[in-house]
């Protein structure tokens, strides 16, 4: 599966996870508008376990990985 990200917001209600995500925000924003191969870029052992899609003015994807 190939994709491209733009206008990315990543959040977590868990304070520890939110702190970890804070450290990755610059790296994530640098990756915006670059294509990626989801299967190859996730690495071994990491799988998407849930995906929801909301289509309106914006297309919103929520994914859970495990």
PDB file of N, CA and C in Angstrom:
ATOM      1  N   UNK A   1       0.843  -1.166   0.000  1.00  0.00           N
ATOM      2  CA  UNK A   1       0.000   0.000   0.000  1.00  0.00           C
ATOM      3  C   UNK A   1       0.894   1.237   0.000  1.00  0.00           C
ATOM      4  N   UNK A   2       0.666   2.134  -0.934  1.00  0.00           N
ATOM      5  CA  UNK A   2       1.438   3.373  -1.001  1.00  0.00           C
ATOM      6  C   UNK A   2       0.574   4.521  -0.509  1.00  0.00           C
ATOM      7  N   UNK A   3       1.199   5.501   0.071  1.00  0.00           N
ATOM      8  CA  UNK A   3       0.463   6.648   0.562  1.00  0.00           C
ATOM      9  C   UNK A   3       1.329   7.890   0.576  1.00  0.00           C
ATOM     10  N   UNK A   4       0.695   9.016   0.881  1.00  0.00           N
ATOM     11  CA  UNK A   4       1.402  10.278   1.027  1.00  0.00           C
ATOM     12  C   UNK A   4       0.683  11.058   2.122  1.00  0.00           C
ATOM     13  N   UNK A   5       1.436  11.677   3.002  1.00  0.00           N
ATOM     14  CA  UNK A   5       0.862  12.420   4.118  1.00  0.00           C
ATOM     15  C   UNK A   5       1.041  13.914   3.909  1.00  0.00           C
ATOM     16  N   UNK A   6       0.032  14.675   4.342  1.00  0.00           N
ATOM     17  CA  UNK A   6       0.165  16.131   4.399  1.00  0.00           C
ATOM     18  C   UNK A   6      -0.764  16.631   5.493  1.00  0.00           C
ATOM     19  N   UNK A   7      -0.421  17.765   6.058  1.00  0.00           N
ATOM     20  CA  UNK A   7      -1.196  18.371   7.148  1.00  0.00           C
ATOM     21  C   UNK A   7      -1.456  17.344   8.254  1.00  0.00           C
ATOM     22  N   UNK A   8      -0.381  16.782   8.782  1.00  0.00           N
ATOM     23  CA  UNK A   8      -0.452  15.672   9.728  1.00  0.00           C
ATOM     24  C   UNK A   8      -0.568  16.185  11.161  1.00  0.00           C
ATOM     25  N   UNK A   9      -1.496  15.607  11.904  1.00  0.00           N
ATOM     26  CA  UNK A   9      -1.619  15.847  13.333  1.00  0.00           C
ATOM     27  C   UNK A   9      -1.624  14.490  14.028  1.00  0.00           C
ATOM     28  N   UNK A  10      -0.702  14.302  14.956  1.00  0.00           N
ATOM     29  CA  UNK A  10      -0.622  13.045  15.694  1.00  0.00           C
ATOM     30  C   UNK A  10      -0.754  13.369  17.165  1.00  0.00           C
ATOM     31  N   UNK A  11      -1.720  12.722  17.819  1.00  0.00           N
ATOM     32  CA  UNK A  11      -1.980  12.998  19.224  1.00  0.00           C
ATOM     33  C   UNK A  11      -2.208  11.702  19.983  1.00  0.00           C
ATOM     34  N   UNK A  12      -2.119  11.806  21.299  1.00  0.00           N
ATOM     35  CA  UNK A  12      -2.456  10.694  22.175  1.00  0.00           C
ATOM     36  C   UNK A  12      -2.969  11.264  23.484  1.00  0.00           C
ATOM     37  N   UNK A  13      -3.975  10.614  24.048  1.00  0.00           N
ATOM     38  CA  UNK A  13      -4.488  11.001  25.352  1.00  0.00           C
ATOM     39  C   UNK A  13      -3.624  10.500  26.500  1.00  0.00           C
ATOM     40  N   UNK A  14      -2.717   9.587  26.213  1.00  0.00           N
ATOM     41  CA  UNK A  14      -1.821   9.027  27.225  1.00  0.00           C
ATOM     42  C   UNK A  14      -0.611   9.952  27.355  1.00  0.00           C
ATOM     43  N   UNK A  15      -0.314  10.475  28.554  1.00  0.00           N
ATOM     44  CA  UNK A  15       0.753  11.465  28.697  1.00  0.00           C
ATOM     45  C   UNK A  15       2.138  10.970  28.278  1.00  0.00           C
ATOM     46  N   UNK A  16       2.461   9.721  28.524  1.00  0.00           N
ATOM     47  CA  UNK A  16       3.780   9.197  28.149  1.00  0.00           C
ATOM     48  C   UNK A  16       3.890   9.097  26.626  1.00  0.00           C
ATOM     49  N   UNK A  17       2.855   8.566  25.995  1.00  0.00           N
ATOM     50  CA  UNK A  17       2.855   8.450  24.533  1.00  0.00           C
ATOM     51  C   UNK A  17       2.874   9.843  23.906  1.00  0.00           C
ATOM     52  N   UNK A  18       2.130  10.792  24.466  1.00  0.00           N
ATOM     53  CA  UNK A  18       2.116  12.164  23.953  1.00  0.00           C
ATOM     54  C   UNK A  18       3.518  12.772  24.012  1.00  0.00           C
ATOM     55  N   UNK A  19       4.268  12.494  25.076  1.00  0.00           N
ATOM     56  CA  UNK A  19       5.635  13.009  25.193  1.00  0.00           C
ATOM     57  C   UNK A  19       6.546  12.399  24.132  1.00  0.00           C
ATOM     58  N   UNK A  20       6.388  11.113  23.871  1.00  0.00           N
ATOM     59  CA  UNK A  20       7.189  10.451  22.834  1.00  0.00           C
ATOM     60  C   UNK A  20       6.847  11.035  21.468  1.00  0.00           C
ATOM     61  N   UNK A  21       5.560  11.227  21.196  1.00  0.00           N
ATOM     62  CA  UNK A  21       5.140  11.793  19.918  1.00  0.00           C
ATOM     63  C   UNK A  21       5.674  13.206  19.736  1.00  0.00           C
ATOM     64  N   UNK A  22       5.763  13.959  20.823  1.00  0.00           N
ATOM     65  CA  UNK A  22       6.288  15.318  20.755  1.00  0.00           C
ATOM     66  C   UNK A  22       7.705  15.310  20.177  1.00  0.00           C
ATOM     67  N   UNK A  23       8.487  14.325  20.557  1.00  0.00           N
ATOM     68  CA  UNK A  23       9.851  14.208  20.052  1.00  0.00           C
ATOM     69  C   UNK A  23       9.927  13.875  18.573  1.00  0.00           C
ATOM     70  N   UNK A  24       8.874  13.286  18.025  1.00  0.00           N
ATOM     71  CA  UNK A  24       8.860  12.886  16.618  1.00  0.00           C
ATOM     72  C   UNK A  24       8.183  13.899  15.706  1.00  0.00           C
ATOM     73  N   UNK A  25       7.583  14.941  16.245  1.00  0.00           N
ATOM     74  CA  UNK A  25       6.801  15.874  15.428  1.00  0.00           C
ATOM     75  C   UNK A  25       7.624  16.511  14.315  1.00  0.00           C
ATOM     76  N   UNK A  26       8.857  16.953  14.606  1.00  0.00           N
ATOM     77  CA  UNK A  26       9.672  17.575  13.567  1.00  0.00           C
ATOM     78  C   UNK A  26       9.990  16.578  12.462  1.00  0.00           C
ATOM     79  N   UNK A  27      10.337  15.381  12.863  1.00  0.00           N
ATOM     80  CA  UNK A  27      10.664  14.338  11.876  1.00  0.00           C
ATOM     81  C   UNK A  27       9.443  14.006  11.016  1.00  0.00           C
ATOM     82  N   UNK A  28       8.292  13.949  11.645  1.00  0.00           N
ATOM     83  CA  UNK A  28       7.053  13.652  10.908  1.00  0.00           C
ATOM     84  C   UNK A  28       6.725  14.788   9.952  1.00  0.00           C
ATOM     85  N   UNK A  29       6.849  16.039  10.408  1.00  0.00           N
ATOM     86  CA  UNK A  29       6.536  17.167   9.528  1.00  0.00           C
ATOM     87  C   UNK A  29       7.506  17.241   8.353  1.00  0.00           C
ATOM     88  N   UNK A  30       8.752  16.820   8.541  1.00  0.00           N
ATOM     89  CA  UNK A  30       9.712  16.773   7.443  1.00  0.00           C
ATOM     90  C   UNK A  30       9.332  15.712   6.408  1.00  0.00           C
ATOM     91  N   UNK A  31       8.571  14.714   6.826  1.00  0.00           N
ATOM     92  CA  UNK A  31       8.175  13.620   5.936  1.00  0.00           C
ATOM     93  C   UNK A  31       6.895  13.907   5.163  1.00  0.00           C
ATOM     94  N   UNK A  32       6.230  15.012   5.489  1.00  0.00           N
ATOM     95  CA  UNK A  32       4.988  15.331   4.796  1.00  0.00           C
ATOM     96  C   UNK A  32       5.230  15.491   3.307  1.00  0.00           C
ATOM     97  N   UNK A  33       4.267  15.108   2.530  1.00  0.00           N
ATOM     98  CA  UNK A  33       4.264  15.191   1.066  1.00  0.00           C
ATOM     99  C   UNK A  33       5.266  14.257   0.396  1.00  0.00           C
ATOM    100  N   UNK A  34       5.884  13.371   1.154  1.00  0.00           N
ATOM    101  CA  UNK A  34       6.749  12.350   0.572  1.00  0.00           C
ATOM    102  C   UNK A  34       5.966  11.047   0.536  1.00  0.00           C
ATOM    103  N   UNK A  35       6.083  10.322  -0.546  1.00  0.00           N
ATOM    104  CA  UNK A  35       5.397   9.039  -0.658  1.00  0.00           C
ATOM    105  C   UNK A  35       6.037   8.000   0.246  1.00  0.00           C
ATOM    106  N   UNK A  36       5.274   6.983   0.604  1.00  0.00           N
ATOM    107  CA  UNK A  36       5.795   5.897   1.422  1.00  0.00           C
ATOM    108  C   UNK A  36       5.075   4.613   1.083  1.00  0.00           C
ATOM    109  N   UNK A  37       5.721   3.508   1.351  1.00  0.00           N
ATOM    110  CA  UNK A  37       5.142   2.177   1.192  1.00  0.00           C
ATOM    111  C   UNK A  37       4.847   1.675   2.589  1.00  0.00           C
ATOM    112  N   UNK A  38       3.580   1.645   2.963  1.00  0.00           N
ATOM    113  CA  UNK A  38       3.191   1.322   4.333  1.00  0.00           C
ATOM    114  C   UNK A  38       3.688  -0.053   4.765  1.00  0.00           C
ATOM    115  N   UNK A  39       3.569  -1.041   3.902  1.00  0.00           N
ATOM    116  CA  UNK A  39       4.011  -2.386   4.272  1.00  0.00           C
ATOM    117  C   UNK A  39       5.504  -2.467   4.511  1.00  0.00           C
ATOM    118  N   UNK A  40       6.297  -1.844   3.668  1.00  0.00           N
ATOM    119  CA  UNK A  40       7.756  -1.921   3.786  1.00  0.00           C
ATOM    120  C   UNK A  40       8.293  -0.986   4.863  1.00  0.00           C
ATOM    121  N   UNK A  41       7.691   0.179   5.032  1.00  0.00           N
ATOM    122  CA  UNK A  41       8.230   1.179   5.950  1.00  0.00           C
ATOM    123  C   UNK A  41       7.884   0.922   7.413  1.00  0.00           C
ATOM    124  N   UNK A  42       6.869   0.123   7.683  1.00  0.00           N
ATOM    125  CA  UNK A  42       6.533  -0.170   9.075  1.00  0.00           C
ATOM    126  C   UNK A  42       7.553  -1.089   9.733  1.00  0.00           C
ATOM    127  N   UNK A  43       8.155  -1.952   8.971  1.00  0.00           N
ATOM    128  CA  UNK A  43       9.111  -2.886   9.549  1.00  0.00           C
ATOM    129  C   UNK A  43       8.424  -4.167   9.970  1.00  0.00           C
ATOM    130  N   UNK A  44       9.229  -5.155  10.288  1.00  0.00           N
ATOM    131  CA  UNK A  44       8.665  -6.457  10.646  1.00  0.00           C
ATOM    132  C   UNK A  44       8.051  -6.414  12.046  1.00  0.00           C
ATOM    133  N   UNK A  45       6.974  -7.126  12.213  1.00  0.00           N
ATOM    134  CA  UNK A  45       6.316  -7.235  13.510  1.00  0.00           C
ATOM    135  C   UNK A  45       5.335  -6.125  13.825  1.00  0.00           C
ATOM    136  N   UNK A  46       5.296  -5.063  13.040  1.00  0.00           N
ATOM    137  CA  UNK A  46       4.345  -3.968  13.281  1.00  0.00           C
ATOM    138  C   UNK A  46       3.262  -4.061  12.224  1.00  0.00           C
ATOM    139  N   UNK A  47       2.031  -4.135  12.677  1.00  0.00           N
ATOM    140  CA  UNK A  47       0.898  -4.263  11.761  1.00  0.00           C
ATOM    141  C   UNK A  47      -0.170  -3.245  12.117  1.00  0.00           C
ATOM    142  N   UNK A  48      -0.893  -2.784  11.116  1.00  0.00           N
ATOM    143  CA  UNK A  48      -2.037  -1.934  11.356  1.00  0.00           C
ATOM    144  C   UNK A  48      -3.177  -2.838  11.815  1.00  0.00           C
ATOM    145  N   UNK A  49      -3.737  -2.547  12.974  1.00  0.00           N
ATOM    146  CA  UNK A  49      -4.798  -3.392  13.521  1.00  0.00           C
ATOM    147  C   UNK A  49      -6.183  -2.788  13.351  1.00  0.00           C
ATOM    148  N   UNK A  50      -6.251  -1.493  13.068  1.00  0.00           N
ATOM    149  CA  UNK A  50      -7.550  -0.848  12.892  1.00  0.00           C
ATOM    150  C   UNK A  50      -7.351   0.412  12.053  1.00  0.00           C
ATOM    151  N   UNK A  51      -8.299   0.697  11.176  1.00  0.00           N
ATOM    152  CA  UNK A  51      -8.259   1.891  10.354  1.00  0.00           C
ATOM    153  C   UNK A  51      -9.677   2.398  10.178  1.00  0.00           C
ATOM    154  N   UNK A  52      -9.878   3.681  10.481  1.00  0.00           N
ATOM    155  CA  UNK A  52     -11.169   4.307  10.196  1.00  0.00           C
ATOM    156  C   UNK A  52     -10.936   5.484   9.263  1.00  0.00           C
ATOM    157  N   UNK A  53     -11.902   5.717   8.383  1.00  0.00           N
ATOM    158  CA  UNK A  53     -11.800   6.769   7.384  1.00  0.00           C
ATOM    159  C   UNK A  53     -13.023   7.660   7.492  1.00  0.00           C
ATOM    160  N   UNK A  54     -12.793   8.973   7.549  1.00  0.00           N
ATOM    161  CA  UNK A  54     -13.879   9.949   7.580  1.00  0.00           C
ATOM    162  C   UNK A  54     -13.683  10.881   6.385  1.00  0.00           C
ATOM    163  N   UNK A  55     -14.629  10.858   5.479  1.00  0.00           N
ATOM    164  CA  UNK A  55     -14.511  11.680   4.265  1.00  0.00           C
ATOM    165  C   UNK A  55     -15.490  12.839   4.343  1.00  0.00           C
ATOM    166  N   UNK A  56     -14.950  14.027   4.319  1.00  0.00           N
ATOM    167  CA  UNK A  56     -15.742  15.252   4.298  1.00  0.00           C
ATOM    168  C   UNK A  56     -14.959  16.269   3.502  1.00  0.00           C
ATOM    169  N   UNK A  57     -14.891  17.498   3.997  1.00  0.00           N
ATOM    170  CA  UNK A  57     -14.030  18.493   3.367  1.00  0.00           C
ATOM    171  C   UNK A  57     -12.583  18.013   3.392  1.00  0.00           C
ATOM    172  N   UNK A  58     -12.201  17.392   4.497  1.00  0.00           N
ATOM    173  CA  UNK A  58     -10.893  16.755   4.638  1.00  0.00           C
ATOM    174  C   UNK A  58     -11.083  15.254   4.705  1.00  0.00           C
ATOM    175  N   UNK A  59     -10.072  14.523   4.315  1.00  0.00           N
ATOM    176  CA  UNK A  59     -10.069  13.084   4.479  1.00  0.00           C
ATOM    177  C   UNK A  59      -9.284  12.783   5.741  1.00  0.00           C
ATOM    178  N   UNK A  60      -9.940  12.172   6.721  1.00  0.00           N
ATOM    179  CA  UNK A  60      -9.319  11.908   8.016  1.00  0.00           C
ATOM    180  C   UNK A  60      -9.166  10.406   8.180  1.00  0.00           C
ATOM    181  N   UNK A  61      -7.937   9.956   8.421  1.00  0.00           N
ATOM    182  CA  UNK A  61      -7.642   8.552   8.680  1.00  0.00           C
ATOM    183  C   UNK A  61      -7.178   8.418  10.112  1.00  0.00           C
ATOM    184  N   UNK A  62      -7.751   7.473  10.831  1.00  0.00           N
ATOM    185  CA  UNK A  62      -7.283   7.116  12.160  1.00  0.00           C
ATOM    186  C   UNK A  62      -6.826   5.692  12.109  1.00  0.00           C
ATOM    187  N   UNK A  63      -5.582   5.449  12.504  1.00  0.00           N
ATOM    188  CA  UNK A  63      -5.010   4.107  12.442  1.00  0.00           C
ATOM    189  C   UNK A  63      -4.493   3.689  13.803  1.00  0.00           C
ATOM    190  N   UNK A  64      -4.603   2.394  14.067  1.00  0.00           N
ATOM    191  CA  UNK A  64      -4.069   1.819  15.304  1.00  0.00           C
ATOM    192  C   UNK A  64      -3.080   0.734  14.887  1.00  0.00           C
ATOM    193  N   UNK A  65      -1.919   0.750  15.500  1.00  0.00           N
ATOM    194  CA  UNK A  65      -0.872  -0.205  15.180  1.00  0.00           C
ATOM    195  C   UNK A  65      -0.574  -1.077  16.388  1.00  0.00           C
ATOM    196  N   UNK A  66      -0.189  -2.308  16.133  1.00  0.00           N
ATOM    197  CA  UNK A  66       0.131  -3.220  17.244  1.00  0.00           C
ATOM    198  C   UNK A  66       1.153  -4.233  16.833  1.00  0.00           C
TER     199      UNK A  66
END
